[in-house]
N, C-alpha and C. Protein backbone atom coordinates (compact mmCIF):
# COMPACT_ATOMS: atom_id res chain seq x y z
N UNK A 1 28.09 23.10 -14.75
CA UNK A 1 27.91 22.74 -13.35
C UNK A 1 26.56 23.21 -12.84
N UNK A 2 26.12 24.41 -13.25
CA UNK A 2 24.85 24.97 -12.81
C UNK A 2 23.67 24.12 -13.26
N UNK A 3 23.74 23.58 -14.48
CA UNK A 3 22.65 22.76 -15.00
C UNK A 3 22.54 21.46 -14.20
N UNK A 4 23.66 20.84 -13.90
CA UNK A 4 23.66 19.59 -13.14
C UNK A 4 23.08 19.83 -11.75
N UNK A 5 23.50 20.90 -11.11
CA UNK A 5 22.97 21.22 -9.78
C UNK A 5 21.46 21.46 -9.85
N UNK A 6 21.01 22.15 -10.89
CA UNK A 6 19.58 22.42 -11.04
C UNK A 6 18.81 21.11 -11.26
N UNK A 7 19.35 20.20 -12.07
CA UNK A 7 18.70 18.92 -12.31
C UNK A 7 18.61 18.09 -11.03
N UNK A 8 19.68 18.04 -10.29
CA UNK A 8 19.69 17.27 -9.04
C UNK A 8 18.70 17.89 -8.06
N UNK A 9 18.66 19.20 -7.98
CA UNK A 9 17.71 19.87 -7.09
C UNK A 9 16.28 19.57 -7.51
N UNK A 10 16.01 19.58 -8.81
CA UNK A 10 14.65 19.30 -9.31
C UNK A 10 14.23 17.89 -8.95
N UNK A 11 15.14 16.93 -9.05
CA UNK A 11 14.82 15.54 -8.70
C UNK A 11 14.42 15.45 -7.25
N UNK A 12 15.15 16.10 -6.38
CA UNK A 12 14.83 16.04 -4.95
C UNK A 12 13.53 16.78 -4.63
N UNK A 13 13.23 17.81 -5.37
CA UNK A 13 12.02 18.57 -5.11
C UNK A 13 10.78 17.78 -5.51
N UNK A 14 10.81 17.11 -6.69
CA UNK A 14 9.62 16.43 -7.18
C UNK A 14 9.49 15.00 -6.67
N UNK A 15 10.53 14.41 -6.15
CA UNK A 15 10.46 13.05 -5.64
C UNK A 15 10.01 13.05 -4.19
N UNK A 16 9.08 12.14 -3.85
CA UNK A 16 8.68 12.07 -2.45
C UNK A 16 9.86 11.60 -1.60
N UNK A 17 9.90 11.99 -0.37
CA UNK A 17 11.01 11.60 0.48
C UNK A 17 11.05 10.10 0.70
N UNK A 18 12.24 9.58 0.77
CA UNK A 18 12.44 8.17 1.06
C UNK A 18 12.68 8.06 2.55
N UNK A 19 11.79 7.43 3.23
CA UNK A 19 11.89 7.31 4.67
C UNK A 19 12.13 5.85 4.99
N UNK A 20 12.95 5.58 5.94
CA UNK A 20 13.25 4.20 6.31
C UNK A 20 12.03 3.51 6.89
N UNK A 21 11.91 2.19 6.66
CA UNK A 21 10.77 1.47 7.20
C UNK A 21 10.79 1.50 8.71
N UNK A 22 9.61 1.45 9.28
CA UNK A 22 9.55 1.40 10.73
C UNK A 22 8.41 0.51 11.14
N UNK A 23 8.55 -0.08 12.27
CA UNK A 23 7.44 -0.85 12.82
C UNK A 23 6.59 0.13 13.61
N UNK A 24 5.34 0.18 13.25
CA UNK A 24 4.45 1.13 13.91
C UNK A 24 4.19 0.71 15.34
N UNK A 25 3.84 1.69 16.14
CA UNK A 25 3.42 1.36 17.50
C UNK A 25 2.17 0.50 17.40
N UNK A 26 2.06 -0.49 18.27
CA UNK A 26 0.87 -1.34 18.21
C UNK A 26 -0.39 -0.49 18.34
N UNK A 27 -1.37 -0.87 17.62
CA UNK A 27 -2.65 -0.16 17.68
C UNK A 27 -3.52 -0.61 16.54
N UNK A 28 -4.81 -0.64 16.80
CA UNK A 28 -5.75 -1.04 15.76
C UNK A 28 -5.98 0.13 14.82
N UNK A 29 -6.19 -0.20 13.58
CA UNK A 29 -6.53 0.81 12.59
C UNK A 29 -7.97 1.24 12.87
N UNK A 30 -8.19 2.53 12.83
CA UNK A 30 -9.54 3.06 13.06
C UNK A 30 -10.48 2.56 11.96
N UNK A 31 -11.75 2.54 12.27
CA UNK A 31 -12.73 2.11 11.29
C UNK A 31 -12.67 3.00 10.05
N UNK A 32 -12.71 2.38 8.88
CA UNK A 32 -12.78 3.14 7.64
C UNK A 32 -13.84 2.51 6.75
N UNK A 33 -14.35 3.29 5.82
CA UNK A 33 -15.35 2.85 4.87
C UNK A 33 -15.13 3.67 3.61
N UNK A 34 -14.46 3.06 2.62
CA UNK A 34 -14.04 3.80 1.43
C UNK A 34 -14.66 3.23 0.16
N UNK A 35 -14.81 4.10 -0.82
CA UNK A 35 -15.35 3.70 -2.12
C UNK A 35 -14.36 2.81 -2.84
N UNK A 36 -14.86 1.70 -3.38
CA UNK A 36 -14.07 0.78 -4.20
C UNK A 36 -14.31 1.18 -5.65
N UNK A 37 -13.25 1.38 -6.44
CA UNK A 37 -13.46 1.82 -7.82
C UNK A 37 -14.19 0.77 -8.65
N UNK A 38 -14.20 -0.48 -8.21
CA UNK A 38 -14.92 -1.54 -8.92
C UNK A 38 -16.41 -1.51 -8.59
N UNK A 39 -16.79 -0.66 -7.65
CA UNK A 39 -18.19 -0.55 -7.23
C UNK A 39 -18.32 -0.91 -5.77
N UNK A 40 -19.26 -0.31 -5.13
CA UNK A 40 -19.49 -0.58 -3.71
C UNK A 40 -18.46 0.11 -2.83
N UNK A 41 -18.36 -0.41 -1.64
CA UNK A 41 -17.46 0.16 -0.65
C UNK A 41 -16.72 -0.98 0.05
N UNK A 42 -15.61 -0.66 0.67
CA UNK A 42 -14.88 -1.62 1.50
C UNK A 42 -14.62 -0.93 2.83
N UNK A 43 -14.80 -1.67 3.90
CA UNK A 43 -14.56 -1.10 5.22
C UNK A 43 -13.56 -1.96 5.98
N UNK A 44 -13.15 -1.45 7.11
CA UNK A 44 -12.24 -2.20 7.96
C UNK A 44 -12.86 -3.53 8.38
N UNK A 45 -14.18 -3.58 8.47
CA UNK A 45 -14.86 -4.83 8.82
C UNK A 45 -14.60 -5.93 7.78
N UNK A 46 -14.42 -5.55 6.52
CA UNK A 46 -14.15 -6.52 5.46
C UNK A 46 -12.78 -7.18 5.60
N UNK A 47 -11.91 -6.58 6.38
CA UNK A 47 -10.56 -7.13 6.57
C UNK A 47 -10.42 -7.93 7.86
N UNK A 48 -11.46 -7.95 8.68
CA UNK A 48 -11.38 -8.70 9.94
C UNK A 48 -11.15 -10.17 9.64
N UNK A 49 -10.24 -10.76 10.41
CA UNK A 49 -9.93 -12.17 10.23
C UNK A 49 -8.94 -12.43 9.11
N UNK A 50 -8.41 -11.36 8.53
CA UNK A 50 -7.44 -11.49 7.43
C UNK A 50 -6.16 -10.75 7.76
N UNK A 51 -5.05 -11.29 7.29
CA UNK A 51 -3.81 -10.54 7.27
C UNK A 51 -3.94 -9.63 6.06
N UNK A 52 -3.82 -8.33 6.25
CA UNK A 52 -4.04 -7.38 5.17
C UNK A 52 -2.77 -6.58 4.88
N UNK A 53 -2.48 -6.47 3.60
CA UNK A 53 -1.39 -5.62 3.13
C UNK A 53 -2.07 -4.45 2.43
N UNK A 54 -1.93 -3.26 3.00
CA UNK A 54 -2.59 -2.08 2.47
C UNK A 54 -1.53 -1.15 1.90
N UNK A 55 -1.62 -0.94 0.59
CA UNK A 55 -0.69 -0.09 -0.14
C UNK A 55 -1.35 1.27 -0.34
N UNK A 56 -0.80 2.31 0.29
CA UNK A 56 -1.35 3.65 0.16
C UNK A 56 -0.42 4.43 -0.76
N UNK A 57 -1.01 4.96 -1.85
CA UNK A 57 -0.18 5.61 -2.87
C UNK A 57 -0.97 6.70 -3.59
N UNK A 58 -0.27 7.39 -4.49
CA UNK A 58 -0.88 8.43 -5.32
C UNK A 58 -0.61 8.10 -6.79
N UNK A 59 -1.50 8.52 -7.67
CA UNK A 59 -1.35 8.21 -9.10
C UNK A 59 -0.14 8.91 -9.71
N UNK A 60 0.28 10.02 -9.14
CA UNK A 60 1.38 10.81 -9.68
C UNK A 60 2.74 10.42 -9.09
N UNK A 61 2.77 9.50 -8.16
CA UNK A 61 4.00 9.12 -7.45
C UNK A 61 4.76 8.05 -8.22
N UNK A 62 5.93 8.40 -8.73
CA UNK A 62 6.74 7.47 -9.51
C UNK A 62 7.15 6.23 -8.74
N UNK A 63 7.57 6.39 -7.49
CA UNK A 63 7.95 5.23 -6.68
C UNK A 63 6.75 4.31 -6.47
N UNK A 64 5.58 4.90 -6.30
CA UNK A 64 4.36 4.10 -6.09
C UNK A 64 4.06 3.25 -7.32
N UNK A 65 4.14 3.86 -8.48
CA UNK A 65 3.86 3.15 -9.73
C UNK A 65 4.89 2.05 -9.94
N UNK A 66 6.14 2.32 -9.62
CA UNK A 66 7.20 1.32 -9.78
C UNK A 66 6.95 0.09 -8.91
N UNK A 67 6.23 0.24 -7.80
CA UNK A 67 5.97 -0.89 -6.90
C UNK A 67 4.75 -1.73 -7.30
N UNK A 68 3.93 -1.27 -8.23
CA UNK A 68 2.71 -1.99 -8.59
C UNK A 68 2.99 -3.44 -8.99
N UNK A 69 4.00 -3.73 -9.81
CA UNK A 69 4.25 -5.14 -10.15
C UNK A 69 4.47 -6.02 -8.91
N UNK A 70 5.10 -5.47 -7.88
CA UNK A 70 5.31 -6.22 -6.65
C UNK A 70 3.97 -6.57 -5.99
N UNK A 71 3.06 -5.60 -5.92
CA UNK A 71 1.76 -5.86 -5.32
C UNK A 71 0.94 -6.83 -6.17
N UNK A 72 1.11 -6.76 -7.47
CA UNK A 72 0.43 -7.72 -8.35
C UNK A 72 0.94 -9.14 -8.08
N UNK A 73 2.24 -9.29 -7.88
CA UNK A 73 2.81 -10.62 -7.56
C UNK A 73 2.32 -11.10 -6.20
N UNK A 74 2.26 -10.20 -5.22
CA UNK A 74 1.75 -10.58 -3.91
C UNK A 74 0.29 -11.01 -4.01
N UNK A 75 -0.50 -10.27 -4.76
CA UNK A 75 -1.90 -10.62 -4.94
C UNK A 75 -2.02 -11.99 -5.60
N UNK A 76 -1.25 -12.21 -6.66
CA UNK A 76 -1.28 -13.51 -7.35
C UNK A 76 -0.88 -14.65 -6.42
N UNK A 77 0.12 -14.41 -5.57
CA UNK A 77 0.62 -15.45 -4.67
C UNK A 77 -0.39 -15.81 -3.59
N UNK A 78 -1.20 -14.85 -3.15
CA UNK A 78 -2.07 -15.08 -2.00
C UNK A 78 -3.57 -14.99 -2.31
N UNK A 79 -3.94 -14.79 -3.57
CA UNK A 79 -5.36 -14.57 -3.88
C UNK A 79 -6.25 -15.75 -3.55
N UNK A 80 -5.72 -16.95 -3.48
CA UNK A 80 -6.53 -18.12 -3.17
C UNK A 80 -6.70 -18.34 -1.67
N UNK A 81 -6.03 -17.52 -0.87
CA UNK A 81 -6.13 -17.63 0.58
C UNK A 81 -7.18 -16.65 1.11
N UNK A 82 -8.19 -17.20 1.74
CA UNK A 82 -9.27 -16.36 2.27
C UNK A 82 -8.81 -15.49 3.44
N UNK A 83 -7.67 -15.84 4.04
CA UNK A 83 -7.23 -15.10 5.22
C UNK A 83 -6.12 -14.09 4.92
N UNK A 84 -5.95 -13.73 3.62
CA UNK A 84 -4.98 -12.72 3.22
C UNK A 84 -5.66 -11.77 2.23
N UNK A 85 -5.45 -10.47 2.43
CA UNK A 85 -6.01 -9.47 1.52
C UNK A 85 -4.92 -8.49 1.10
N UNK A 86 -4.89 -8.17 -0.18
CA UNK A 86 -4.03 -7.13 -0.71
C UNK A 86 -4.98 -6.03 -1.19
N UNK A 87 -4.77 -4.81 -0.69
CA UNK A 87 -5.67 -3.70 -0.98
C UNK A 87 -4.84 -2.46 -1.28
N UNK A 88 -5.26 -1.69 -2.28
CA UNK A 88 -4.64 -0.42 -2.59
C UNK A 88 -5.57 0.72 -2.20
N UNK A 89 -5.00 1.78 -1.66
CA UNK A 89 -5.77 2.99 -1.37
C UNK A 89 -5.05 4.14 -2.06
N UNK A 90 -5.76 4.82 -2.95
CA UNK A 90 -5.18 5.94 -3.68
C UNK A 90 -5.58 7.23 -2.99
N UNK A 91 -4.58 8.05 -2.70
CA UNK A 91 -4.80 9.33 -2.02
C UNK A 91 -4.26 10.46 -2.88
N UNK A 92 -4.67 11.68 -2.54
CA UNK A 92 -4.11 12.89 -3.15
C UNK A 92 -4.03 12.81 -4.67
N UNK A 93 -5.04 12.21 -5.28
CA UNK A 93 -5.07 12.04 -6.72
C UNK A 93 -6.45 12.40 -7.25
N UNK A 94 -6.51 13.01 -8.43
CA UNK A 94 -7.83 13.32 -8.99
C UNK A 94 -8.64 12.03 -9.20
N UNK A 95 -9.85 12.03 -8.73
CA UNK A 95 -10.73 10.85 -8.81
C UNK A 95 -10.81 10.33 -10.24
N UNK A 96 -10.90 11.24 -11.20
CA UNK A 96 -11.06 10.84 -12.60
C UNK A 96 -9.84 10.08 -13.14
N UNK A 97 -8.66 10.25 -12.54
CA UNK A 97 -7.44 9.59 -13.02
C UNK A 97 -7.31 8.15 -12.53
N UNK A 98 -7.98 7.82 -11.46
CA UNK A 98 -7.74 6.53 -10.79
C UNK A 98 -8.17 5.33 -11.63
N UNK A 99 -9.40 5.25 -12.15
CA UNK A 99 -9.78 4.06 -12.93
C UNK A 99 -8.89 3.82 -14.15
N UNK A 100 -8.53 4.90 -14.86
CA UNK A 100 -7.67 4.75 -16.04
C UNK A 100 -6.30 4.21 -15.65
N UNK A 101 -5.75 4.69 -14.55
CA UNK A 101 -4.43 4.23 -14.09
C UNK A 101 -4.49 2.76 -13.68
N UNK A 102 -5.58 2.36 -13.03
CA UNK A 102 -5.75 0.96 -12.61
C UNK A 102 -5.81 0.06 -13.85
N UNK A 103 -6.59 0.47 -14.85
CA UNK A 103 -6.66 -0.32 -16.10
C UNK A 103 -5.32 -0.38 -16.79
N UNK A 104 -4.64 0.77 -16.91
CA UNK A 104 -3.34 0.85 -17.57
C UNK A 104 -2.33 -0.09 -16.91
N UNK A 105 -2.36 -0.19 -15.60
CA UNK A 105 -1.40 -1.00 -14.86
C UNK A 105 -1.86 -2.44 -14.68
N UNK A 106 -3.08 -2.77 -15.07
CA UNK A 106 -3.59 -4.14 -14.98
C UNK A 106 -3.77 -4.62 -13.55
N UNK A 107 -4.20 -3.74 -12.67
CA UNK A 107 -4.36 -4.09 -11.26
C UNK A 107 -5.66 -4.86 -11.07
N UNK A 108 -5.58 -6.02 -10.40
CA UNK A 108 -6.75 -6.87 -10.16
C UNK A 108 -7.25 -6.80 -8.72
N UNK A 109 -6.41 -6.39 -7.79
CA UNK A 109 -6.82 -6.35 -6.39
C UNK A 109 -7.64 -5.09 -6.14
N UNK A 110 -8.40 -5.05 -5.04
CA UNK A 110 -9.27 -3.89 -4.78
C UNK A 110 -8.49 -2.59 -4.63
N UNK A 111 -9.01 -1.56 -5.28
CA UNK A 111 -8.45 -0.21 -5.17
C UNK A 111 -9.53 0.69 -4.60
N UNK A 112 -9.19 1.34 -3.50
CA UNK A 112 -10.13 2.21 -2.80
C UNK A 112 -9.70 3.67 -2.97
N UNK A 113 -10.67 4.55 -2.90
CA UNK A 113 -10.38 5.97 -3.01
C UNK A 113 -10.25 6.52 -1.59
N UNK A 114 -9.04 6.96 -1.28
CA UNK A 114 -8.74 7.45 0.06
C UNK A 114 -9.06 8.92 0.22
N UNK A 115 -9.04 9.34 1.46
CA UNK A 115 -9.30 10.73 1.82
C UNK A 115 -8.38 11.08 2.99
N UNK A 116 -8.55 12.28 3.51
CA UNK A 116 -7.69 12.73 4.62
C UNK A 116 -7.83 11.80 5.83
N UNK A 117 -9.02 11.28 6.05
CA UNK A 117 -9.23 10.36 7.17
C UNK A 117 -8.43 9.07 6.97
N UNK A 118 -8.38 8.57 5.74
CA UNK A 118 -7.59 7.36 5.45
C UNK A 118 -6.11 7.61 5.69
N UNK A 119 -5.64 8.80 5.33
CA UNK A 119 -4.24 9.17 5.57
C UNK A 119 -3.95 9.08 7.06
N UNK A 120 -4.84 9.62 7.88
CA UNK A 120 -4.66 9.56 9.33
C UNK A 120 -4.79 8.13 9.85
N UNK A 121 -5.78 7.41 9.36
CA UNK A 121 -6.04 6.04 9.81
C UNK A 121 -4.82 5.15 9.64
N UNK A 122 -4.14 5.29 8.50
CA UNK A 122 -3.00 4.42 8.22
C UNK A 122 -1.66 5.08 8.53
N UNK A 123 -1.67 6.26 9.10
CA UNK A 123 -0.43 6.93 9.50
C UNK A 123 0.48 7.22 8.33
N UNK A 124 -0.07 7.76 7.26
CA UNK A 124 0.71 8.04 6.06
C UNK A 124 1.44 9.36 6.21
N UNK A 125 2.78 9.30 6.05
CA UNK A 125 3.61 10.50 6.13
C UNK A 125 4.42 10.68 4.87
N UNK A 126 4.13 9.87 3.86
CA UNK A 126 4.81 9.92 2.58
C UNK A 126 4.31 8.76 1.75
N UNK A 127 4.50 8.86 0.44
CA UNK A 127 4.09 7.76 -0.43
C UNK A 127 5.30 7.21 -1.14
N UNK A 128 5.31 5.94 -1.39
CA UNK A 128 4.31 4.95 -1.01
C UNK A 128 4.44 4.56 0.47
N UNK A 129 3.31 4.18 1.05
CA UNK A 129 3.28 3.63 2.40
C UNK A 129 2.56 2.30 2.34
N UNK A 130 3.16 1.30 2.93
CA UNK A 130 2.54 -0.02 3.04
C UNK A 130 2.33 -0.32 4.51
N UNK A 131 1.10 -0.71 4.85
CA UNK A 131 0.78 -1.07 6.21
C UNK A 131 0.34 -2.53 6.21
N UNK A 132 0.98 -3.33 7.06
CA UNK A 132 0.62 -4.74 7.21
C UNK A 132 -0.17 -4.86 8.50
N UNK A 133 -1.39 -5.40 8.37
CA UNK A 133 -2.28 -5.56 9.52
C UNK A 133 -2.42 -7.03 9.88
N UNK A 134 -2.52 -7.31 11.17
CA UNK A 134 -2.79 -8.69 11.58
C UNK A 134 -4.30 -8.95 11.46
N UNK A 135 -4.72 -10.15 11.79
CA UNK A 135 -6.12 -10.55 11.61
C UNK A 135 -7.08 -9.77 12.50
N UNK A 136 -6.56 -9.11 13.53
CA UNK A 136 -7.40 -8.30 14.41
C UNK A 136 -7.45 -6.83 13.98
N UNK A 137 -6.76 -6.49 12.89
CA UNK A 137 -6.73 -5.11 12.43
C UNK A 137 -5.70 -4.25 13.14
N UNK A 138 -4.74 -4.89 13.79
CA UNK A 138 -3.67 -4.17 14.48
C UNK A 138 -2.49 -4.01 13.53
N UNK A 139 -1.90 -2.84 13.54
CA UNK A 139 -0.73 -2.59 12.68
C UNK A 139 0.42 -3.46 13.16
N UNK A 140 0.93 -4.25 12.23
CA UNK A 140 2.08 -5.11 12.50
C UNK A 140 3.36 -4.41 12.05
N UNK A 141 3.35 -3.88 10.83
CA UNK A 141 4.50 -3.13 10.32
C UNK A 141 4.02 -2.07 9.34
N UNK A 142 4.84 -1.06 9.21
CA UNK A 142 4.60 0.01 8.24
C UNK A 142 5.91 0.25 7.50
N UNK A 143 5.82 0.28 6.18
CA UNK A 143 6.98 0.58 5.34
C UNK A 143 6.68 1.86 4.57
N UNK A 144 7.59 2.82 4.64
CA UNK A 144 7.38 4.09 3.97
C UNK A 144 8.52 4.33 3.00
N UNK A 145 8.16 4.68 1.78
CA UNK A 145 9.16 4.98 0.77
C UNK A 145 9.67 3.73 0.08
N UNK A 146 10.78 3.90 -0.59
CA UNK A 146 11.41 2.83 -1.35
C UNK A 146 12.24 1.98 -0.38
N UNK A 147 11.77 0.78 -0.09
CA UNK A 147 12.40 -0.08 0.90
C UNK A 147 13.07 -1.26 0.20
N UNK A 148 14.30 -1.47 0.52
CA UNK A 148 15.06 -2.58 -0.06
C UNK A 148 14.42 -3.92 0.33
N UNK A 149 14.27 -4.83 -0.64
CA UNK A 149 13.70 -6.17 -0.43
C UNK A 149 12.30 -6.13 0.17
N UNK A 150 11.54 -5.12 -0.19
CA UNK A 150 10.21 -4.93 0.38
C UNK A 150 9.29 -6.13 0.12
N UNK A 151 9.32 -6.67 -1.08
CA UNK A 151 8.44 -7.80 -1.39
C UNK A 151 8.74 -8.99 -0.49
N UNK A 152 10.00 -9.32 -0.31
CA UNK A 152 10.37 -10.44 0.55
C UNK A 152 9.98 -10.16 2.00
N UNK A 153 10.17 -8.92 2.44
CA UNK A 153 9.81 -8.56 3.82
C UNK A 153 8.31 -8.69 4.04
N UNK A 154 7.51 -8.24 3.08
CA UNK A 154 6.06 -8.33 3.23
C UNK A 154 5.62 -9.79 3.21
N UNK A 155 6.21 -10.60 2.32
CA UNK A 155 5.87 -12.03 2.31
C UNK A 155 6.19 -12.66 3.65
N UNK A 156 7.33 -12.30 4.21
CA UNK A 156 7.70 -12.85 5.52
C UNK A 156 6.73 -12.37 6.60
N UNK A 157 6.32 -11.11 6.52
CA UNK A 157 5.33 -10.59 7.48
C UNK A 157 4.04 -11.40 7.40
N UNK A 158 3.57 -11.65 6.18
CA UNK A 158 2.34 -12.42 6.00
C UNK A 158 2.50 -13.81 6.59
N UNK A 159 3.61 -14.45 6.27
CA UNK A 159 3.85 -15.80 6.79
C UNK A 159 3.95 -15.81 8.31
N UNK A 160 4.63 -14.82 8.87
CA UNK A 160 4.73 -14.74 10.33
C UNK A 160 3.37 -14.57 10.96
N UNK A 161 2.53 -13.73 10.38
CA UNK A 161 1.20 -13.49 10.93
C UNK A 161 0.27 -14.67 10.74
N UNK A 162 0.47 -15.42 9.69
CA UNK A 162 -0.33 -16.62 9.48
C UNK A 162 0.18 -17.78 10.32
N UNK A 163 1.44 -17.67 10.73
CA UNK A 163 2.04 -18.73 11.56
C UNK A 163 2.28 -20.01 10.77
N UNK A 164 2.49 -19.86 9.50
CA UNK A 164 2.71 -21.03 8.64
C UNK A 164 3.43 -20.60 7.39
N UNK A 165 3.87 -21.56 6.60
CA UNK A 165 4.43 -21.24 5.30
C UNK A 165 3.28 -21.00 4.34
N UNK A 166 3.36 -19.94 3.58
CA UNK A 166 2.30 -19.57 2.65
C UNK A 166 2.81 -19.67 1.23
N UNK A 167 1.90 -19.63 0.24
CA UNK A 167 2.33 -19.68 -1.14
C UNK A 167 3.17 -18.46 -1.50
N UNK A 168 3.81 -18.54 -2.65
CA UNK A 168 4.58 -17.41 -3.13
C UNK A 168 6.03 -17.43 -2.71
N UNK A 169 6.49 -18.55 -2.18
CA UNK A 169 7.89 -18.66 -1.77
C UNK A 169 8.80 -18.72 -2.96
């Protein structure tokens, strides 16, 4: 019995908290300018006029890694649309680990290196956090933790913000 209790306790200690999704209070995301691991930088200005899905995660977060295939599918579904962007921001992770993890997972969408300011900008209180922005850079929804039917919800968010049916149905 003691071993089982210890194992269950260890799981809860090392796993990030699962927080229910919430719709953020309306507000524009503050200006950001982050390093893109592919080279150059990406700023909030690059997302103007686009519905943006911003995935904030850490390289060591198991739930975050488990969600990567979902973001790859979203990217594949919307990559031909100039008015939709899928972006990853990696936080609280050693810089040297990020490029190798991106290659290992086969990620094609932009991955930015986050900092404490990015955590504040996107209102991150746990990982994974997904923030959906409208074309004006206003937070439409925020999903924190492991959310049931997250991919379908994000697709619906994108479609609602575009005001039309989009690919990937």
